[in-house]
N, C-alpha and C. Protein backbone atom coordinates (compact mmCIF):
# COMPACT_ATOMS: atom_id res chain seq x y z
N MET A 1 -18.07 20.35 16.52
CA MET A 1 -18.18 20.20 15.34
C MET A 1 -19.56 19.49 14.89
N THR A 2 -20.13 19.96 13.91
CA THR A 2 -21.53 19.47 13.57
C THR A 2 -21.50 17.89 13.01
N ASN A 3 -22.29 17.30 13.42
CA ASN A 3 -22.23 15.86 12.89
C ASN A 3 -22.37 15.85 11.33
N GLU A 4 -22.78 16.65 10.69
CA GLU A 4 -22.69 16.57 9.30
C GLU A 4 -20.95 16.63 8.83
N PHE A 5 -20.56 17.74 9.62
CA PHE A 5 -19.12 17.78 9.08
C PHE A 5 -18.05 16.60 9.50
N VAL A 6 -18.78 16.07 10.57
CA VAL A 6 -17.81 14.86 11.28
C VAL A 6 -18.17 13.68 10.16
N ALA A 7 -19.35 13.63 9.67
CA ALA A 7 -19.86 12.53 8.76
C ALA A 7 -18.96 12.61 7.61
N ILE A 8 -18.95 13.81 6.90
CA ILE A 8 -18.40 14.38 5.61
C ILE A 8 -16.78 13.87 5.91
N ALA A 9 -16.18 14.38 6.99
CA ALA A 9 -14.90 13.91 7.28
C ALA A 9 -14.35 12.50 7.48
N VAL A 10 -15.23 11.79 8.08
CA VAL A 10 -15.00 10.36 8.25
C VAL A 10 -15.13 9.59 6.65
N ALA A 11 -16.19 10.14 6.04
CA ALA A 11 -16.37 9.44 4.78
C ALA A 11 -15.17 9.82 3.66
N ARG A 12 -14.64 10.94 3.71
CA ARG A 12 -13.50 11.33 3.11
C ARG A 12 -12.16 10.65 3.53
N ALA A 13 -12.09 10.60 5.12
CA ALA A 13 -11.03 9.74 5.63
C ALA A 13 -10.88 8.42 5.09
N ARG A 14 -12.12 7.72 5.13
CA ARG A 14 -12.25 6.33 4.91
C ARG A 14 -12.01 6.13 3.25
N LYS A 15 -12.29 7.20 2.45
CA LYS A 15 -12.20 7.09 1.12
C LYS A 15 -10.66 6.85 0.73
N ARG A 16 -10.03 7.95 1.47
CA ARG A 16 -8.61 7.89 1.15
C ARG A 16 -7.88 6.62 1.94
N ARG A 17 -8.21 6.34 3.30
CA ARG A 17 -7.60 5.05 3.52
C ARG A 17 -7.96 3.87 2.66
N ASP A 18 -8.91 3.87 2.12
CA ASP A 18 -9.21 2.47 1.12
C ASP A 18 -8.34 2.74 -0.08
N GLU A 19 -8.19 3.83 -0.56
CA GLU A 19 -7.22 4.11 -1.67
C GLU A 19 -5.73 3.61 -1.32
N ALA A 20 -5.55 4.26 -0.11
CA ALA A 20 -4.18 3.90 0.24
C ALA A 20 -3.96 2.47 0.48
N ARG A 21 -5.14 1.52 1.01
CA ARG A 21 -4.83 0.07 1.21
C ARG A 21 -4.75 -0.59 -0.03
N SER A 22 -5.45 -0.17 -1.01
CA SER A 22 -5.33 -0.50 -2.41
C SER A 22 -3.90 -0.35 -2.98
N ASN A 23 -3.45 0.68 -2.88
CA ASN A 23 -1.95 1.19 -3.11
C ASN A 23 -1.05 0.17 -2.46
N LEU A 24 -1.33 0.13 -1.23
CA LEU A 24 -0.63 -0.72 -0.57
C LEU A 24 -0.49 -2.24 -0.80
N SER A 25 -1.54 -2.69 -1.30
CA SER A 25 -1.76 -4.03 -2.03
C SER A 25 -0.97 -4.41 -3.25
N GLU A 26 -1.13 -3.39 -4.08
CA GLU A 26 -0.40 -3.27 -5.23
C GLU A 26 1.22 -3.08 -5.05
N ALA A 27 1.57 -2.33 -4.02
CA ALA A 27 3.05 -1.90 -4.00
C ALA A 27 3.50 -3.57 -3.22
N GLU A 28 2.75 -4.05 -2.50
CA GLU A 28 3.27 -5.69 -1.79
C GLU A 28 3.35 -6.45 -2.84
N ALA A 29 2.49 -6.48 -3.68
CA ALA A 29 2.31 -7.42 -4.87
C ALA A 29 3.61 -7.31 -5.83
N GLU A 30 3.59 -5.80 -6.08
CA GLU A 30 4.84 -5.45 -7.11
C GLU A 30 6.34 -6.03 -6.37
N LEU A 31 6.32 -5.96 -5.15
CA LEU A 31 7.72 -6.01 -4.36
C LEU A 31 7.81 -7.55 -4.35
N GLU A 32 6.89 -8.45 -4.11
CA GLU A 32 6.94 -9.56 -4.25
C GLU A 32 7.45 -10.26 -5.77
N HIS A 33 6.63 -9.76 -6.54
CA HIS A 33 7.04 -10.20 -8.38
C HIS A 33 8.55 -9.66 -8.41
N GLN A 34 9.01 -8.68 -7.94
CA GLN A 34 10.30 -8.23 -8.40
C GLN A 34 11.14 -8.97 -7.55
N LYS A 35 10.86 -9.62 -6.16
CA LYS A 35 11.80 -10.15 -5.58
C LYS A 35 12.07 -11.82 -6.61
N ALA A 36 10.99 -12.07 -6.80
CA ALA A 36 11.06 -13.19 -7.61
C ALA A 36 11.78 -13.38 -8.77
N ALA A 37 11.54 -12.09 -9.43
CA ALA A 37 12.34 -11.88 -10.90
C ALA A 37 13.93 -11.45 -10.48
N GLY A 38 14.12 -11.33 -9.22
CA GLY A 38 15.73 -11.08 -9.09
C GLY A 38 16.24 -9.73 -9.23
N THR A 39 15.11 -8.73 -9.31
CA THR A 39 15.54 -7.46 -9.46
C THR A 39 16.64 -6.73 -8.61
N SER A 40 17.29 -5.80 -9.01
CA SER A 40 18.33 -5.07 -8.08
C SER A 40 17.80 -4.67 -6.95
N VAL A 41 19.01 -5.01 -5.74
CA VAL A 41 18.76 -4.40 -4.36
C VAL A 41 17.95 -3.03 -4.46
N GLY A 42 18.45 -1.86 -5.04
CA GLY A 42 18.21 -0.64 -5.24
C GLY A 42 16.50 -0.71 -5.31
N ALA A 43 16.51 -1.28 -6.50
CA ALA A 43 14.88 -1.34 -6.93
C ALA A 43 14.15 -1.85 -6.03
N LEU A 44 14.52 -3.02 -5.29
CA LEU A 44 13.90 -3.45 -4.04
C LEU A 44 13.56 -2.83 -2.92
N ALA A 45 14.75 -1.96 -2.45
CA ALA A 45 14.87 -0.92 -1.40
C ALA A 45 13.62 0.08 -2.01
N ALA A 46 13.40 0.69 -2.97
CA ALA A 46 12.47 1.69 -3.29
C ALA A 46 11.40 0.87 -3.10
N LEU A 47 10.95 -0.18 -3.40
CA LEU A 47 9.52 -0.98 -3.33
C LEU A 47 9.28 -1.01 -1.72
N LYS A 48 10.18 -1.51 -1.15
CA LYS A 48 10.02 -1.56 0.37
C LYS A 48 9.57 -0.28 0.93
N LEU A 49 10.20 0.58 0.41
CA LEU A 49 9.99 1.98 1.06
C LEU A 49 8.57 2.51 0.83
N GLN A 50 8.37 2.27 -0.45
CA GLN A 50 6.79 2.53 -0.79
C GLN A 50 5.82 1.66 -0.13
N VAL A 51 6.10 0.40 0.19
CA VAL A 51 5.12 -0.39 1.19
C VAL A 51 5.09 0.03 2.45
N GLU A 52 6.47 0.75 3.13
CA GLU A 52 6.23 1.13 4.28
C GLU A 52 5.59 2.42 4.33
N MET A 53 5.68 3.42 3.26
CA MET A 53 4.99 4.57 3.06
C MET A 53 3.54 4.44 3.33
N TYR A 54 2.94 3.20 2.50
CA TYR A 54 1.54 3.11 2.54
C TYR A 54 0.94 2.58 3.71
N THR A 55 1.84 1.76 4.30
CA THR A 55 1.43 1.17 5.64
C THR A 55 1.18 2.29 6.75
N GLU A 56 2.09 3.43 6.62
CA GLU A 56 1.97 4.25 7.56
C GLU A 56 0.83 5.38 7.30
N LEU A 57 0.55 5.43 6.12
CA LEU A 57 -0.52 6.16 5.61
C LEU A 57 -1.87 5.45 5.94
N VAL A 58 -1.95 4.10 5.91
CA VAL A 58 -3.25 3.53 6.32
C VAL A 58 -3.36 3.86 7.86
N ALA A 59 -2.26 3.64 8.58
CA ALA A 59 -2.18 3.68 10.06
C ALA A 59 -2.89 5.18 10.37
N LYS A 60 -2.03 6.14 9.76
CA LYS A 60 -2.61 7.50 10.04
C LYS A 60 -4.00 7.83 9.98
N TYR A 61 -4.70 7.17 8.71
CA TYR A 61 -6.14 7.41 8.21
C TYR A 61 -7.02 6.70 9.40
N ASP A 62 -6.48 5.61 9.82
CA ASP A 62 -7.09 5.06 11.06
C ASP A 62 -7.25 5.63 12.36
N VAL A 63 -6.15 6.39 12.68
CA VAL A 63 -6.22 7.28 13.51
C VAL A 63 -7.00 8.75 13.57
N ILE A 64 -6.89 9.12 12.18
CA ILE A 64 -7.84 10.26 11.89
C ILE A 64 -9.45 10.09 12.06
N ILE A 65 -9.73 8.55 11.33
CA ILE A 65 -11.08 8.14 11.66
C ILE A 65 -11.51 7.91 12.87
N ALA A 66 -10.63 7.41 13.75
CA ALA A 66 -10.93 7.14 15.27
C ALA A 66 -11.32 8.51 16.03
N ALA A 67 -10.33 9.62 15.52
CA ALA A 67 -10.55 10.83 16.39
C ALA A 67 -11.85 11.39 15.96
N TYR A 68 -12.12 11.41 14.64
CA TYR A 68 -13.57 11.93 14.16
C TYR A 68 -14.74 11.25 14.68
N GLU A 69 -14.47 9.99 14.80
CA GLU A 69 -15.60 9.23 15.39
C GLU A 69 -15.81 9.47 16.85
N ALA A 70 -14.88 9.75 17.61
CA ALA A 70 -14.70 9.87 19.05
C ALA A 70 -15.39 11.23 19.36
N GLU A 71 -15.62 12.20 18.34
CA GLU A 71 -16.36 13.44 18.53
C GLU A 71 -17.72 13.37 18.95
């Protein structure tokens, strides 16, 4: 791969990772808010699933970025 391609790919992956981190922070805050408000177990489970999804997404982007940077 060319250096230009790698640089573009890394920049895009970093942007998406940053978006996922932002979404993760929002989901964590909402989960804590809903826990404090005494929200139903079903709604809390959905929020926990959302937090897990964003956590995994951030981790996957970290792997992608590391792979591109190793090129």
